[in-house]
Amino acid sequence: MDLGWLVPWEFSPALIIAFIASGALFIRGTRVHRVGAARQLLFWCGFVLLYLSLHTRVDYYAERLFFAHRLQHLILHHLGPLLIMGAYAGQVMRAGLPMRARFWLRDFRRTPAGRAVKAVLTNKYWVPFVFVFLVVVWLIPIVQFYSMLDWRLYRFMNWSVVISGFMYWNLILDRRPSPPAIMSPGMRILSPVITMVPQMVVGAVITFTEYDLYPVFDLCGRAIPGMSAVTDQAIGGLTMWVLAGFIEVFGLLFALATLMRLSGKHRLPDKRKRDAGGRQRPAALGA
């Protein structure tokens, strides 16, 4: 095995610190919460995939092949965050914080600023919109051209899709009834259907376009000699059209399983017990 693949293409101290801190918090949190082997496997698979995509020689190919760039974003935006949020890593990492930091976080969430931050990061309309927007906007040819040439834009692009992925899958993979969950179980099933459609349409358009939409990859030097721009583009479009859709279907099935589990445990709100004003009717005496 050639370990040269693990050498960072562009070394980033900030990334190293972020990965070490998040991994350490998860390990500390597992000493507080009981975390099953399946959840730990999901977390570490997502953790490793994100690291390999961001801080190894994979990044070199993502800058010089359109389809490698799309595979990288498939992991950053879809697969990596889905695996980590499927492990419910947030509560585990929060438990791994020092006690003083946990108290500060608890108090901050009660402040107007904390409530505002939470409202933005968990809004059931804004988050799915941003999730789709940050896939599509970076594929506009002129935006893609400058983001691939300016290292600051390039890093902002990668971080933006990672963060939006975490925000989105945090809502979709919530296993609680609503409330306290932001989205209802039904909306968690419907949302991936809605968000996958524009991504699949854009992927299909890219796949069937017969001229080079992204000359920046030729300008940087395509990493596979002899591969034409149209072929590279078609493979990248298919990646977005088929593979991204498949991952969203997996998220949909997870949400469907949650709905069935909540229904089986009778934890879904019963609308028949609500009066005309939307308030819960009191239970009958002796019930």
Protein backbone atom coordinates (compact mmCIF):
# COMPACT_ATOMS: atom_id res chain seq x y z
CA MET A 1 0.00 0.00 0.00
CA ASP A 2 1.35 3.41 -1.00
CA LEU A 3 1.19 5.53 2.15
CA GLY A 4 1.96 8.59 0.04
CA TRP A 5 -1.80 8.92 -0.44
CA LEU A 6 -2.07 9.92 3.22
CA VAL A 7 0.34 12.85 2.88
CA PRO A 8 -1.66 16.11 2.90
CA TRP A 9 -1.68 17.89 -0.45
CA GLU A 10 -2.02 21.20 1.40
CA PHE A 11 -1.22 20.94 5.12
CA SER A 12 -3.83 22.67 7.32
CA PRO A 13 -3.17 23.06 11.08
CA ALA A 14 -6.80 24.12 11.56
CA LEU A 15 -8.04 20.85 10.10
CA ILE A 16 -5.66 18.81 12.25
CA ILE A 17 -6.84 20.61 15.40
CA ALA A 18 -10.52 20.20 14.42
CA PHE A 19 -10.18 16.45 13.80
CA ILE A 20 -8.13 15.79 16.95
CA ALA A 21 -10.54 17.81 19.11
CA SER A 22 -13.68 16.16 17.70
CA GLY A 23 -12.21 12.66 17.96
CA ALA A 24 -11.07 13.28 21.54
CA LEU A 25 -14.49 14.63 22.54
CA PHE A 26 -16.22 11.59 21.08
CA ILE A 27 -13.89 9.20 22.92
CA ARG A 28 -14.42 11.10 26.20
CA GLY A 29 -18.17 11.09 25.60
CA THR A 30 -18.28 7.32 25.21
CA ARG A 31 -17.05 7.09 28.80
CA VAL A 32 -20.12 9.02 29.94
CA HIS A 33 -22.81 7.65 27.59
CA ARG A 34 -23.24 4.05 26.59
CA VAL A 35 -22.52 4.06 22.85
CA GLY A 36 -23.05 0.80 20.99
CA ALA A 37 -20.60 -0.69 18.53
CA ALA A 38 -22.82 0.19 15.55
CA ARG A 39 -22.92 3.88 16.48
CA GLN A 40 -19.18 3.98 17.07
CA LEU A 41 -18.59 2.33 13.69
CA LEU A 42 -20.79 4.90 11.96
CA PHE A 43 -18.95 7.78 13.62
CA TRP A 44 -15.44 6.56 12.87
CA CYS A 45 -16.32 5.64 9.26
CA GLY A 46 -17.67 9.15 8.68
CA PHE A 47 -14.73 10.68 10.56
CA VAL A 48 -12.14 8.83 8.44
CA LEU A 49 -13.95 9.55 5.17
CA LEU A 50 -14.05 13.28 5.92
CA TYR A 51 -10.37 13.32 6.83
CA LEU A 52 -9.33 11.40 3.72
CA SER A 53 -11.37 13.75 1.54
CA LEU A 54 -10.04 16.95 3.07
CA HIS A 55 -6.46 16.34 4.14
CA THR A 56 -4.78 13.77 1.90
CA ARG A 57 -3.65 13.54 -1.71
CA VAL A 58 -7.30 13.02 -2.67
CA ASP A 59 -7.48 16.80 -2.61
CA TYR A 60 -4.88 16.94 -5.41
CA TYR A 61 -7.13 14.91 -7.71
CA ALA A 62 -10.22 16.89 -6.66
CA GLU A 63 -8.48 20.00 -7.97
CA ARG A 64 -7.59 18.37 -11.30
CA LEU A 65 -10.51 16.07 -12.15
CA PHE A 66 -14.14 17.13 -12.18
CA PHE A 67 -15.44 13.68 -11.28
CA ALA A 68 -12.95 13.42 -8.37
CA HIS A 69 -14.17 16.83 -7.21
CA ARG A 70 -17.77 15.57 -7.29
CA LEU A 71 -16.82 12.39 -5.39
CA GLN A 72 -15.08 14.54 -2.80
CA HIS A 73 -18.19 16.68 -2.35
CA LEU A 74 -20.39 13.59 -2.26
CA ILE A 75 -18.50 12.58 0.89
CA LEU A 76 -18.24 16.08 2.35
CA HIS A 77 -21.87 17.03 1.78
CA HIS A 78 -23.72 13.72 1.93
CA LEU A 79 -22.03 10.56 3.14
CA GLY A 80 -19.64 11.79 5.85
CA PRO A 81 -22.15 13.98 7.72
CA LEU A 82 -24.89 11.34 7.30
CA LEU A 83 -22.74 8.65 8.94
CA ILE A 84 -21.65 10.88 11.79
CA MET A 85 -25.13 12.25 12.51
CA GLY A 86 -26.50 8.70 12.23
CA ALA A 87 -24.26 7.91 15.20
CA TYR A 88 -25.88 10.77 17.17
CA ALA A 89 -22.42 12.12 17.79
CA GLY A 90 -23.61 15.51 19.04
CA GLN A 91 -24.87 14.30 22.40
CA VAL A 92 -21.80 12.09 22.85
CA MET A 93 -19.36 14.90 22.07
CA ARG A 94 -21.27 17.29 24.30
CA ALA A 95 -20.88 14.79 27.14
CA GLY A 96 -17.15 14.73 26.40
CA LEU A 97 -16.76 18.45 27.11
CA PRO A 98 -15.25 19.57 30.43
CA MET A 99 -17.96 20.30 32.98
CA ARG A 100 -17.34 24.05 32.89
CA ALA A 101 -17.75 24.10 29.10
CA ARG A 102 -20.97 22.09 29.37
CA PHE A 103 -22.40 24.57 31.87
CA TRP A 104 -21.37 27.49 29.65
CA LEU A 105 -23.02 25.85 26.63
CA ARG A 106 -26.19 25.18 28.60
CA ASP A 107 -26.37 28.81 29.78
CA PHE A 108 -25.55 30.18 26.32
CA ARG A 109 -28.41 28.23 24.74
CA ARG A 110 -30.81 30.04 27.07
CA THR A 111 -29.65 33.51 26.01
CA PRO A 112 -31.23 35.45 23.10
CA ALA A 113 -28.02 34.97 21.09
CA GLY A 114 -28.03 31.23 21.78
CA ARG A 115 -31.69 30.91 20.78
CA ALA A 116 -30.98 32.86 17.61
CA VAL A 117 -28.06 30.60 16.69
CA LYS A 118 -30.18 27.52 17.31
CA ALA A 119 -33.03 28.95 15.23
CA VAL A 120 -30.72 29.49 12.26
CA LEU A 121 -28.95 26.12 12.51
CA THR A 122 -32.17 24.11 12.89
CA ASN A 123 -34.76 26.00 10.82
CA LYS A 124 -36.78 23.40 8.92
CA TYR A 125 -37.11 25.60 5.83
CA TRP A 126 -33.78 27.40 5.76
CA VAL A 127 -31.55 24.36 6.35
CA PRO A 128 -32.87 22.21 3.44
CA PHE A 129 -32.67 25.26 1.15
CA VAL A 130 -29.04 25.90 2.10
CA PHE A 131 -28.28 22.18 1.73
CA VAL A 132 -29.39 22.23 -1.92
CA PHE A 133 -28.18 25.76 -2.69
CA LEU A 134 -24.60 25.00 -1.65
CA VAL A 135 -24.53 22.02 -4.02
CA VAL A 136 -25.86 23.95 -7.00
CA VAL A 137 -24.19 27.34 -6.55
CA TRP A 138 -20.65 25.93 -6.56
CA LEU A 139 -21.43 24.21 -9.88
CA ILE A 140 -22.16 27.46 -11.71
CA PRO A 141 -19.22 27.51 -14.16
CA ILE A 142 -17.94 30.98 -13.32
CA VAL A 143 -18.25 30.32 -9.56
CA GLN A 144 -16.50 26.97 -9.94
CA PHE A 145 -13.71 28.60 -11.98
CA TYR A 146 -12.76 31.14 -9.31
CA SER A 147 -13.32 28.81 -6.35
CA MET A 148 -10.85 26.29 -7.80
CA LEU A 149 -8.16 28.95 -8.37
CA ASP A 150 -8.44 30.91 -5.10
CA TRP A 151 -7.39 28.78 -2.12
CA ARG A 152 -9.51 30.88 0.27
CA LEU A 153 -12.65 30.33 -1.82
CA TYR A 154 -11.74 26.67 -2.26
CA ARG A 155 -11.53 26.09 1.49
CA PHE A 156 -14.69 28.09 2.11
CA MET A 157 -16.48 25.97 -0.50
CA ASN A 158 -15.43 22.71 1.16
CA TRP A 159 -16.25 23.86 4.68
CA SER A 160 -19.62 25.26 3.59
CA VAL A 161 -20.79 21.95 2.15
CA VAL A 162 -19.58 20.03 5.21
CA ILE A 163 -21.38 22.33 7.64
CA SER A 164 -24.60 22.37 5.61
CA GLY A 165 -24.47 18.58 5.46
CA PHE A 166 -24.26 18.34 9.25
CA MET A 167 -27.10 20.82 9.66
CA TYR A 168 -29.37 18.95 7.24
CA TRP A 169 -28.78 15.40 8.42
CA ASN A 170 -29.13 16.57 12.02
CA LEU A 171 -32.77 17.37 11.21
CA ILE A 172 -33.51 14.33 9.02
CA LEU A 173 -31.99 11.69 11.30
CA ASP A 174 -33.59 12.96 14.51
CA ARG A 175 -35.24 9.95 16.17
CA ARG A 176 -37.57 11.90 18.46
CA PRO A 177 -41.24 12.77 17.90
CA SER A 178 -42.14 16.37 17.08
CA PRO A 179 -41.96 18.20 19.37
CA PRO A 180 -39.19 18.26 20.58
CA ALA A 181 -37.77 17.42 17.11
CA ILE A 182 -37.88 20.36 14.69
CA MET A 183 -39.30 18.38 11.77
CA SER A 184 -42.25 16.05 11.99
CA PRO A 185 -41.53 12.39 11.16
CA GLY A 186 -43.46 12.77 7.90
CA MET A 187 -41.46 15.82 6.83
CA ARG A 188 -38.23 13.97 7.53
CA ILE A 189 -39.34 11.41 4.93
CA LEU A 190 -40.53 14.00 2.41
CA SER A 191 -37.58 16.38 2.67
CA PRO A 192 -34.96 14.11 1.01
CA VAL A 193 -37.36 13.59 -1.90
CA ILE A 194 -37.61 17.35 -2.35
CA THR A 195 -33.90 18.08 -1.94
CA MET A 196 -32.70 15.29 -4.25
CA VAL A 197 -34.73 16.47 -7.26
CA PRO A 198 -32.78 19.68 -8.09
CA GLN A 199 -29.48 17.86 -7.50
CA MET A 200 -30.48 15.07 -9.87
CA VAL A 201 -31.65 17.57 -12.50
CA VAL A 202 -28.36 19.49 -12.35
CA GLY A 203 -26.44 16.21 -12.46
CA ALA A 204 -28.37 15.11 -15.56
CA VAL A 205 -27.76 18.44 -17.30
CA ILE A 206 -24.02 18.18 -16.62
CA THR A 207 -23.96 14.54 -17.78
CA PHE A 208 -25.56 15.25 -21.15
CA THR A 209 -23.82 18.55 -21.92
CA GLU A 210 -21.53 17.92 -24.90
CA TYR A 211 -19.10 20.79 -24.37
CA ASP A 212 -16.69 21.66 -21.57
CA LEU A 213 -18.47 23.52 -18.80
CA TYR A 214 -15.43 23.62 -16.51
CA PRO A 215 -12.22 24.50 -18.41
CA VAL A 216 -10.50 25.20 -15.08
CA PHE A 217 -9.62 21.49 -14.81
CA ASP A 218 -7.73 21.64 -18.11
CA LEU A 219 -6.12 24.88 -16.98
CA CYS A 220 -4.89 23.20 -13.77
CA GLY A 221 -3.80 20.10 -15.72
CA ARG A 222 -6.18 17.15 -15.81
CA ALA A 223 -4.75 14.40 -13.59
CA ILE A 224 -5.58 11.53 -15.96
CA PRO A 225 -3.80 12.06 -19.29
CA GLY A 226 -5.98 11.31 -22.28
CA MET A 227 -9.31 11.76 -20.48
CA SER A 228 -11.43 14.26 -22.36
CA ALA A 229 -13.21 17.09 -20.61
CA VAL A 230 -16.62 15.80 -21.72
CA THR A 231 -15.93 12.30 -20.36
CA ASP A 232 -14.69 13.68 -17.06
CA GLN A 233 -17.75 15.91 -16.91
CA ALA A 234 -20.16 13.07 -17.71
CA ILE A 235 -18.76 10.85 -14.94
CA GLY A 236 -18.99 13.74 -12.48
CA GLY A 237 -22.58 14.44 -13.50
CA LEU A 238 -23.51 10.79 -13.04
CA THR A 239 -21.90 10.84 -9.60
CA MET A 240 -24.17 13.69 -8.61
CA TRP A 241 -27.21 12.32 -10.42
CA VAL A 242 -27.09 8.71 -9.22
CA LEU A 243 -24.84 8.33 -6.16
CA ALA A 244 -26.01 11.47 -4.34
CA GLY A 245 -29.62 10.44 -4.95
CA PHE A 246 -28.89 6.97 -3.58
CA ILE A 247 -27.48 8.43 -0.36
CA GLU A 248 -30.53 10.66 0.07
CA VAL A 249 -32.76 7.61 -0.40
CA PHE A 250 -30.84 5.96 2.43
CA GLY A 251 -31.58 8.99 4.62
CA LEU A 252 -35.24 8.74 3.59
CA LEU A 253 -35.36 5.06 4.60
CA PHE A 254 -33.79 5.93 7.96
CA ALA A 255 -36.50 8.55 8.50
CA LEU A 256 -39.17 6.03 7.48
CA ALA A 257 -37.83 3.54 10.01
CA THR A 258 -38.04 6.25 12.67
CA LEU A 259 -41.66 6.96 11.76
CA MET A 260 -42.55 3.27 12.01
CA ARG A 261 -40.74 2.93 15.35
CA LEU A 262 -42.51 5.98 16.82
CA SER A 263 -45.85 4.73 15.52
CA GLY A 264 -45.26 1.28 17.00
CA LYS A 265 -44.53 2.87 20.38
CA HIS A 266 -47.57 5.22 20.06
CA ARG A 267 -45.35 8.30 20.31
CA LEU A 268 -46.85 10.13 17.34
CA PRO A 269 -49.26 13.00 18.15
CA ASP A 270 -52.89 11.94 17.83
CA LYS A 271 -54.71 14.71 15.99
CA ARG A 272 -58.07 13.30 17.01
CA LYS A 273 -57.29 14.24 20.59
CA ARG A 274 -56.76 17.87 19.70
CA ASP A 275 -59.53 20.40 19.96
CA ALA A 276 -60.31 23.03 17.34
CA GLY A 277 -57.77 25.41 18.85
CA GLY A 278 -54.94 22.93 18.41
CA ARG A 279 -54.62 22.25 22.12
CA GLN A 280 -54.29 18.77 23.57
CA ARG A 281 -57.49 17.58 25.19
CA PRO A 282 -57.14 16.40 28.78
CA ALA A 283 -57.13 12.66 29.28
CA ALA A 284 -60.31 11.08 30.59
CA LEU A 285 -60.46 10.24 34.28
CA GLY A 286 -59.31 6.76 35.01
CA ALA A 287 -57.49 6.44 31.68
